[in-house]
Amino acid sequence: QVQLVESGGGLVQAGGSLRLSCAASGFDFSRYHTGWFRQAPGKEREFVAAINWSSVMIRYADSVKGRNTISRDNAKNMVYLQMNSLKPEDTAVYYCAAVSGSFTENHLRPSRYDYWGLGTQVTVSS
């Protein structure tokens, strides 16, 4: 049974930090690229960050570049998102996802991802 389980969300003041974690199981995690997306109320799901299977290629949305760091540990089947200098506009449900195939072609597009977690809420107060 494929599972992606996010954790680490919560309520934080603007300027604070959170570290999201995503635990993968039920598939060969080391062969999949992974991404973080977020969705705020009334908005479409948007790309936040992605990392390829070997951690050689990493991409960030412009809105989080310089503030977020994505990483993964294939030995533990885990992917992480360190979020610093949080802003109220970062408030959203954050989703972890896994995608196979070409990282370059697929990492930005939610429709290309094979597996999704249920999400974790991040709320940043001003």
N, C-alpha and C. Protein backbone atom coordinates (compact mmCIF):
# COMPACT_ATOMS: atom_id res chain seq x y z
N GLN A 1 0.84 -1.19 0.00
CA GLN A 1 0.00 0.00 0.00
C GLN A 1 0.88 1.24 0.00
N VAL A 2 0.73 2.06 -1.02
CA VAL A 2 1.53 3.27 -1.13
C VAL A 2 1.03 4.31 -0.14
N GLN A 3 1.97 4.91 0.58
CA GLN A 3 1.64 5.98 1.50
C GLN A 3 2.69 7.06 1.49
N LEU A 4 2.23 8.29 1.56
CA LEU A 4 3.07 9.45 1.83
C LEU A 4 2.39 10.18 2.98
N VAL A 5 3.10 10.33 4.08
CA VAL A 5 2.51 10.92 5.27
C VAL A 5 3.31 12.14 5.69
N GLU A 6 2.69 13.30 5.61
CA GLU A 6 3.34 14.55 5.99
C GLU A 6 3.17 14.81 7.49
N SER A 7 4.14 15.51 8.05
CA SER A 7 4.04 15.95 9.44
C SER A 7 4.88 17.21 9.60
N GLY A 8 4.69 17.88 10.74
CA GLY A 8 5.50 19.04 11.05
C GLY A 8 4.82 20.38 10.85
N GLY A 9 3.61 20.35 10.32
CA GLY A 9 2.89 21.61 10.16
C GLY A 9 2.44 22.16 11.50
N GLY A 10 1.91 23.37 11.45
CA GLY A 10 1.42 23.98 12.68
C GLY A 10 1.22 25.47 12.52
N LEU A 11 1.05 26.13 13.66
CA LEU A 11 0.86 27.57 13.70
C LEU A 11 2.16 28.22 14.14
N VAL A 12 2.60 29.21 13.39
CA VAL A 12 3.86 29.89 13.69
C VAL A 12 3.71 31.37 13.37
N GLN A 13 4.44 32.20 14.08
CA GLN A 13 4.41 33.63 13.81
C GLN A 13 5.27 33.96 12.59
N ALA A 14 4.93 35.05 11.95
CA ALA A 14 5.72 35.51 10.82
C ALA A 14 7.18 35.66 11.23
N GLY A 15 8.07 35.22 10.36
CA GLY A 15 9.48 35.23 10.67
C GLY A 15 10.00 33.94 11.28
N GLY A 16 9.09 33.08 11.67
CA GLY A 16 9.47 31.82 12.29
C GLY A 16 9.82 30.75 11.28
N SER A 17 10.07 29.55 11.80
CA SER A 17 10.49 28.42 10.96
C SER A 17 9.68 27.18 11.28
N LEU A 18 9.57 26.33 10.28
CA LEU A 18 8.98 25.01 10.45
C LEU A 18 9.75 24.04 9.58
N ARG A 19 9.80 22.79 10.02
CA ARG A 19 10.40 21.74 9.21
C ARG A 19 9.34 20.67 8.95
N LEU A 20 8.97 20.55 7.70
CA LEU A 20 8.01 19.52 7.31
C LEU A 20 8.75 18.24 6.96
N SER A 21 8.13 17.13 7.31
CA SER A 21 8.68 15.81 6.98
C SER A 21 7.63 15.02 6.22
N CYS A 22 8.11 14.12 5.40
CA CYS A 22 7.21 13.24 4.64
C CYS A 22 7.80 11.84 4.65
N ALA A 23 7.04 10.90 5.18
CA ALA A 23 7.46 9.51 5.24
C ALA A 23 6.80 8.72 4.13
N ALA A 24 7.61 8.05 3.33
CA ALA A 24 7.11 7.28 2.19
C ALA A 24 7.19 5.79 2.48
N SER A 25 6.22 5.06 1.98
CA SER A 25 6.22 3.60 2.11
C SER A 25 5.39 2.98 1.00
N GLY A 26 5.65 1.70 0.73
CA GLY A 26 4.85 0.96 -0.24
C GLY A 26 5.29 1.08 -1.68
N PHE A 27 6.40 1.78 -1.92
CA PHE A 27 6.95 1.85 -3.28
C PHE A 27 8.44 2.09 -3.16
N ASP A 28 9.13 1.97 -4.29
CA ASP A 28 10.58 2.10 -4.30
C ASP A 28 10.95 3.59 -4.30
N PHE A 29 10.96 4.16 -3.11
CA PHE A 29 11.15 5.61 -2.93
C PHE A 29 12.40 6.12 -3.64
N SER A 30 13.47 5.37 -3.60
CA SER A 30 14.74 5.85 -4.13
C SER A 30 14.72 6.02 -5.65
N ARG A 31 13.70 5.49 -6.31
CA ARG A 31 13.58 5.62 -7.76
C ARG A 31 12.65 6.75 -8.18
N TYR A 32 12.10 7.46 -7.20
CA TYR A 32 11.14 8.53 -7.50
C TYR A 32 11.71 9.89 -7.09
N HIS A 33 11.40 10.87 -7.90
CA HIS A 33 11.66 12.25 -7.51
C HIS A 33 10.53 12.68 -6.58
N THR A 34 10.79 13.67 -5.74
CA THR A 34 9.77 14.10 -4.80
C THR A 34 9.60 15.62 -4.82
N GLY A 35 8.39 16.03 -4.54
CA GLY A 35 8.10 17.45 -4.54
C GLY A 35 7.20 17.85 -3.39
N TRP A 36 7.22 19.13 -3.08
CA TRP A 36 6.29 19.73 -2.14
C TRP A 36 5.43 20.74 -2.90
N PHE A 37 4.15 20.65 -2.66
CA PHE A 37 3.19 21.60 -3.21
C PHE A 37 2.39 22.19 -2.06
N ARG A 38 1.69 23.28 -2.33
CA ARG A 38 0.82 23.85 -1.31
C ARG A 38 -0.46 24.38 -1.95
N GLN A 39 -1.48 24.43 -1.13
CA GLN A 39 -2.76 24.93 -1.63
C GLN A 39 -3.43 25.75 -0.53
N ALA A 40 -3.65 27.01 -0.83
CA ALA A 40 -4.35 27.90 0.08
C ALA A 40 -5.84 27.89 -0.27
N PRO A 41 -6.70 28.25 0.67
CA PRO A 41 -8.14 28.26 0.40
C PRO A 41 -8.48 29.12 -0.82
N GLY A 42 -9.26 28.54 -1.73
CA GLY A 42 -9.69 29.27 -2.91
C GLY A 42 -8.65 29.41 -4.01
N LYS A 43 -7.50 28.77 -3.80
CA LYS A 43 -6.43 28.88 -4.79
C LYS A 43 -6.07 27.50 -5.33
N GLU A 44 -5.40 27.50 -6.47
CA GLU A 44 -4.95 26.24 -7.05
C GLU A 44 -3.72 25.72 -6.31
N ARG A 45 -3.50 24.44 -6.42
CA ARG A 45 -2.31 23.84 -5.84
C ARG A 45 -1.09 24.37 -6.60
N GLU A 46 -0.08 24.79 -5.86
CA GLU A 46 1.09 25.37 -6.51
C GLU A 46 2.37 24.68 -6.07
N PHE A 47 3.32 24.68 -6.97
CA PHE A 47 4.63 24.08 -6.74
C PHE A 47 5.41 24.89 -5.71
N VAL A 48 6.09 24.17 -4.82
CA VAL A 48 6.95 24.82 -3.82
C VAL A 48 8.41 24.45 -4.05
N ALA A 49 8.69 23.15 -4.09
CA ALA A 49 10.07 22.69 -4.24
C ALA A 49 10.06 21.25 -4.70
N ALA A 50 11.16 20.85 -5.35
CA ALA A 50 11.29 19.46 -5.79
C ALA A 50 12.75 19.06 -5.76
N ILE A 51 12.96 17.76 -5.58
CA ILE A 51 14.31 17.21 -5.52
C ILE A 51 14.30 15.89 -6.28
N ASN A 52 15.33 15.67 -7.08
CA ASN A 52 15.32 14.43 -7.86
C ASN A 52 15.76 13.25 -6.99
N TRP A 53 15.72 12.06 -7.53
CA TRP A 53 15.92 10.84 -6.73
C TRP A 53 17.29 10.82 -6.06
N SER A 54 18.29 11.42 -6.70
CA SER A 54 19.66 11.35 -6.18
C SER A 54 20.07 12.61 -5.45
N SER A 55 19.16 13.57 -5.31
CA SER A 55 19.44 14.86 -4.66
C SER A 55 20.40 15.74 -5.43
N VAL A 56 20.64 15.40 -6.69
CA VAL A 56 21.55 16.21 -7.51
C VAL A 56 20.82 17.44 -8.06
N MET A 57 19.55 17.28 -8.40
CA MET A 57 18.78 18.39 -8.97
C MET A 57 17.72 18.85 -7.97
N ILE A 58 17.68 20.14 -7.72
CA ILE A 58 16.74 20.76 -6.79
C ILE A 58 16.17 22.01 -7.45
N ARG A 59 14.89 22.19 -7.29
CA ARG A 59 14.23 23.38 -7.83
C ARG A 59 13.29 23.97 -6.77
N TYR A 60 13.17 25.31 -6.81
CA TYR A 60 12.28 26.01 -5.90
C TYR A 60 11.40 26.99 -6.67
N ALA A 61 10.21 27.21 -6.15
CA ALA A 61 9.40 28.30 -6.65
C ALA A 61 10.06 29.62 -6.27
N ASP A 62 9.90 30.63 -7.10
CA ASP A 62 10.52 31.93 -6.81
C ASP A 62 10.04 32.48 -5.47
N SER A 63 8.81 32.17 -5.11
CA SER A 63 8.22 32.72 -3.89
C SER A 63 8.88 32.19 -2.62
N VAL A 64 9.58 31.07 -2.71
CA VAL A 64 10.19 30.49 -1.51
C VAL A 64 11.71 30.38 -1.62
N LYS A 65 12.26 30.72 -2.76
CA LYS A 65 13.70 30.59 -2.98
C LYS A 65 14.46 31.42 -1.96
N GLY A 66 15.46 30.82 -1.37
CA GLY A 66 16.26 31.52 -0.36
C GLY A 66 15.70 31.36 1.04
N ARG A 67 14.47 30.90 1.15
CA ARG A 67 13.86 30.72 2.48
C ARG A 67 13.61 29.24 2.79
N ASN A 68 13.43 28.43 1.76
CA ASN A 68 13.13 27.01 1.95
C ASN A 68 14.27 26.14 1.48
N THR A 69 14.42 24.99 2.12
CA THR A 69 15.41 24.00 1.70
C THR A 69 14.75 22.63 1.67
N ILE A 70 14.81 21.98 0.51
CA ILE A 70 14.28 20.63 0.38
C ILE A 70 15.44 19.64 0.46
N SER A 71 15.20 18.51 1.10
CA SER A 71 16.22 17.48 1.19
C SER A 71 15.52 16.12 1.31
N ARG A 72 16.29 15.07 1.13
CA ARG A 72 15.72 13.73 1.25
C ARG A 72 16.76 12.78 1.79
N ASP A 73 16.28 11.69 2.36
CA ASP A 73 17.12 10.63 2.89
C ASP A 73 16.57 9.32 2.35
N ASN A 74 17.19 8.79 1.32
CA ASN A 74 16.68 7.57 0.70
C ASN A 74 16.78 6.36 1.62
N ALA A 75 17.74 6.37 2.52
CA ALA A 75 17.88 5.25 3.45
C ALA A 75 16.70 5.18 4.42
N LYS A 76 16.10 6.33 4.69
CA LYS A 76 14.98 6.39 5.62
C LYS A 76 13.63 6.59 4.91
N ASN A 77 13.66 6.69 3.59
CA ASN A 77 12.44 6.95 2.82
C ASN A 77 11.74 8.22 3.29
N MET A 78 12.52 9.27 3.46
CA MET A 78 12.01 10.53 3.98
C MET A 78 12.38 11.69 3.06
N VAL A 79 11.50 12.67 3.01
CA VAL A 79 11.80 13.94 2.35
C VAL A 79 11.40 15.05 3.29
N TYR A 80 12.16 16.15 3.25
CA TYR A 80 11.98 17.23 4.22
C TYR A 80 11.85 18.57 3.49
N LEU A 81 11.20 19.49 4.18
CA LEU A 81 11.14 20.86 3.69
C LEU A 81 11.37 21.78 4.89
N GLN A 82 12.54 22.40 4.93
CA GLN A 82 12.85 23.37 5.97
C GLN A 82 12.38 24.73 5.49
N MET A 83 11.51 25.35 6.26
CA MET A 83 10.94 26.64 5.86
C MET A 83 11.33 27.70 6.89
N ASN A 84 12.02 28.71 6.45
CA ASN A 84 12.47 29.79 7.31
C ASN A 84 11.84 31.12 6.88
N SER A 85 11.93 32.10 7.75
CA SER A 85 11.41 33.44 7.46
C SER A 85 9.99 33.36 6.91
N LEU A 86 9.16 32.61 7.59
CA LEU A 86 7.81 32.38 7.10
C LEU A 86 6.99 33.66 7.07
N LYS A 87 6.12 33.72 6.06
CA LYS A 87 5.27 34.88 5.85
C LYS A 87 3.80 34.45 5.91
N PRO A 88 2.89 35.36 6.21
CA PRO A 88 1.47 34.99 6.22
C PRO A 88 1.02 34.38 4.89
N GLU A 89 1.59 34.81 3.80
CA GLU A 89 1.20 34.27 2.50
C GLU A 89 1.70 32.84 2.26
N ASP A 90 2.49 32.32 3.18
CA ASP A 90 2.89 30.91 3.12
C ASP A 90 1.82 30.00 3.71
N THR A 91 0.79 30.57 4.30
CA THR A 91 -0.27 29.78 4.91
C THR A 91 -0.98 28.94 3.85
N ALA A 92 -1.02 27.63 4.08
CA ALA A 92 -1.61 26.69 3.12
C ALA A 92 -1.54 25.29 3.69
N VAL A 93 -2.19 24.38 2.99
CA VAL A 93 -1.95 22.96 3.24
C VAL A 93 -0.79 22.55 2.34
N TYR A 94 0.20 21.90 2.94
CA TYR A 94 1.38 21.49 2.21
C TYR A 94 1.33 19.98 1.95
N TYR A 95 1.59 19.63 0.70
CA TYR A 95 1.51 18.25 0.25
C TYR A 95 2.86 17.75 -0.23
N CYS A 96 3.14 16.52 0.11
CA CYS A 96 4.30 15.82 -0.40
C CYS A 96 3.83 14.92 -1.55
N ALA A 97 4.66 14.79 -2.59
CA ALA A 97 4.27 13.96 -3.73
C ALA A 97 5.50 13.32 -4.35
N ALA A 98 5.27 12.24 -5.08
CA ALA A 98 6.36 11.51 -5.73
C ALA A 98 6.04 11.30 -7.20
N VAL A 99 7.07 11.43 -8.02
CA VAL A 99 6.90 11.33 -9.47
C VAL A 99 8.04 10.53 -10.08
N SER A 100 7.73 9.75 -11.09
CA SER A 100 8.75 8.98 -11.80
C SER A 100 9.04 9.67 -13.13
N GLY A 101 9.96 9.10 -13.87
CA GLY A 101 10.26 9.64 -15.19
C GLY A 101 11.23 10.81 -15.14
N SER A 102 11.08 11.71 -16.08
CA SER A 102 12.00 12.84 -16.21
C SER A 102 11.73 13.90 -15.14
N PHE A 103 12.74 14.20 -14.35
CA PHE A 103 12.59 15.25 -13.34
C PHE A 103 12.35 16.59 -14.00
N THR A 104 13.13 16.88 -15.01
CA THR A 104 13.04 18.18 -15.67
C THR A 104 11.65 18.42 -16.25
N GLU A 105 11.08 17.41 -16.87
CA GLU A 105 9.78 17.56 -17.52
C GLU A 105 8.62 17.53 -16.53
N ASN A 106 8.78 16.84 -15.43
CA ASN A 106 7.62 16.53 -14.59
C ASN A 106 7.51 17.30 -13.28
N HIS A 107 8.60 17.85 -12.76
CA HIS A 107 8.58 18.26 -11.37
C HIS A 107 7.64 19.42 -11.06
N LEU A 108 7.34 20.24 -12.07
CA LEU A 108 6.50 21.40 -11.82
C LEU A 108 5.01 21.11 -11.89
N ARG A 109 4.62 20.00 -12.46
CA ARG A 109 3.23 19.77 -12.83
C ARG A 109 2.55 18.78 -11.88
N PRO A 110 1.60 19.23 -11.10
CA PRO A 110 0.91 18.32 -10.17
C PRO A 110 0.31 17.11 -10.88
N SER A 111 -0.18 17.28 -12.09
CA SER A 111 -0.83 16.19 -12.81
C SER A 111 0.13 15.07 -13.16
N ARG A 112 1.41 15.35 -13.13
CA ARG A 112 2.39 14.33 -13.50
C ARG A 112 2.77 13.42 -12.32
N TYR A 113 2.43 13.85 -11.11
CA TYR A 113 2.86 13.10 -9.93
C TYR A 113 2.02 11.84 -9.74
N ASP A 114 2.70 10.78 -9.31
CA ASP A 114 2.06 9.47 -9.18
C ASP A 114 1.39 9.29 -7.82
N TYR A 115 2.04 9.79 -6.80
CA TYR A 115 1.55 9.56 -5.43
C TYR A 115 1.51 10.87 -4.66
N TRP A 116 0.50 10.99 -3.77
CA TRP A 116 0.32 12.19 -2.97
C TRP A 116 0.02 11.83 -1.52
N GLY A 117 0.48 12.69 -0.62
CA GLY A 117 0.07 12.59 0.77
C GLY A 117 -1.22 13.36 0.98
N LEU A 118 -1.72 13.31 2.20
CA LEU A 118 -2.97 13.98 2.53
C LEU A 118 -2.77 15.43 2.96
N GLY A 119 -1.54 15.81 3.20
CA GLY A 119 -1.25 17.20 3.51
C GLY A 119 -1.12 17.50 4.98
N THR A 120 -0.43 18.61 5.27
CA THR A 120 -0.29 19.12 6.63
C THR A 120 -0.49 20.63 6.60
N GLN A 121 -1.25 21.14 7.55
CA GLN A 121 -1.60 22.56 7.56
C GLN A 121 -0.47 23.39 8.13
N VAL A 122 -0.13 24.45 7.41
CA VAL A 122 0.82 25.45 7.90
C VAL A 122 0.09 26.78 7.96
N THR A 123 0.09 27.38 9.14
CA THR A 123 -0.56 28.67 9.32
C THR A 123 0.45 29.65 9.90
N VAL A 124 0.63 30.77 9.21
CA VAL A 124 1.58 31.79 9.64
C VAL A 124 0.79 33.04 10.02
N SER A 125 0.92 33.43 11.27
CA SER A 125 0.20 34.60 11.76
C SER A 125 1.07 35.84 11.64
N SER A 126 0.41 36.96 11.41
CA SER A 126 1.15 38.22 11.25
C SER A 126 1.35 38.92 12.57
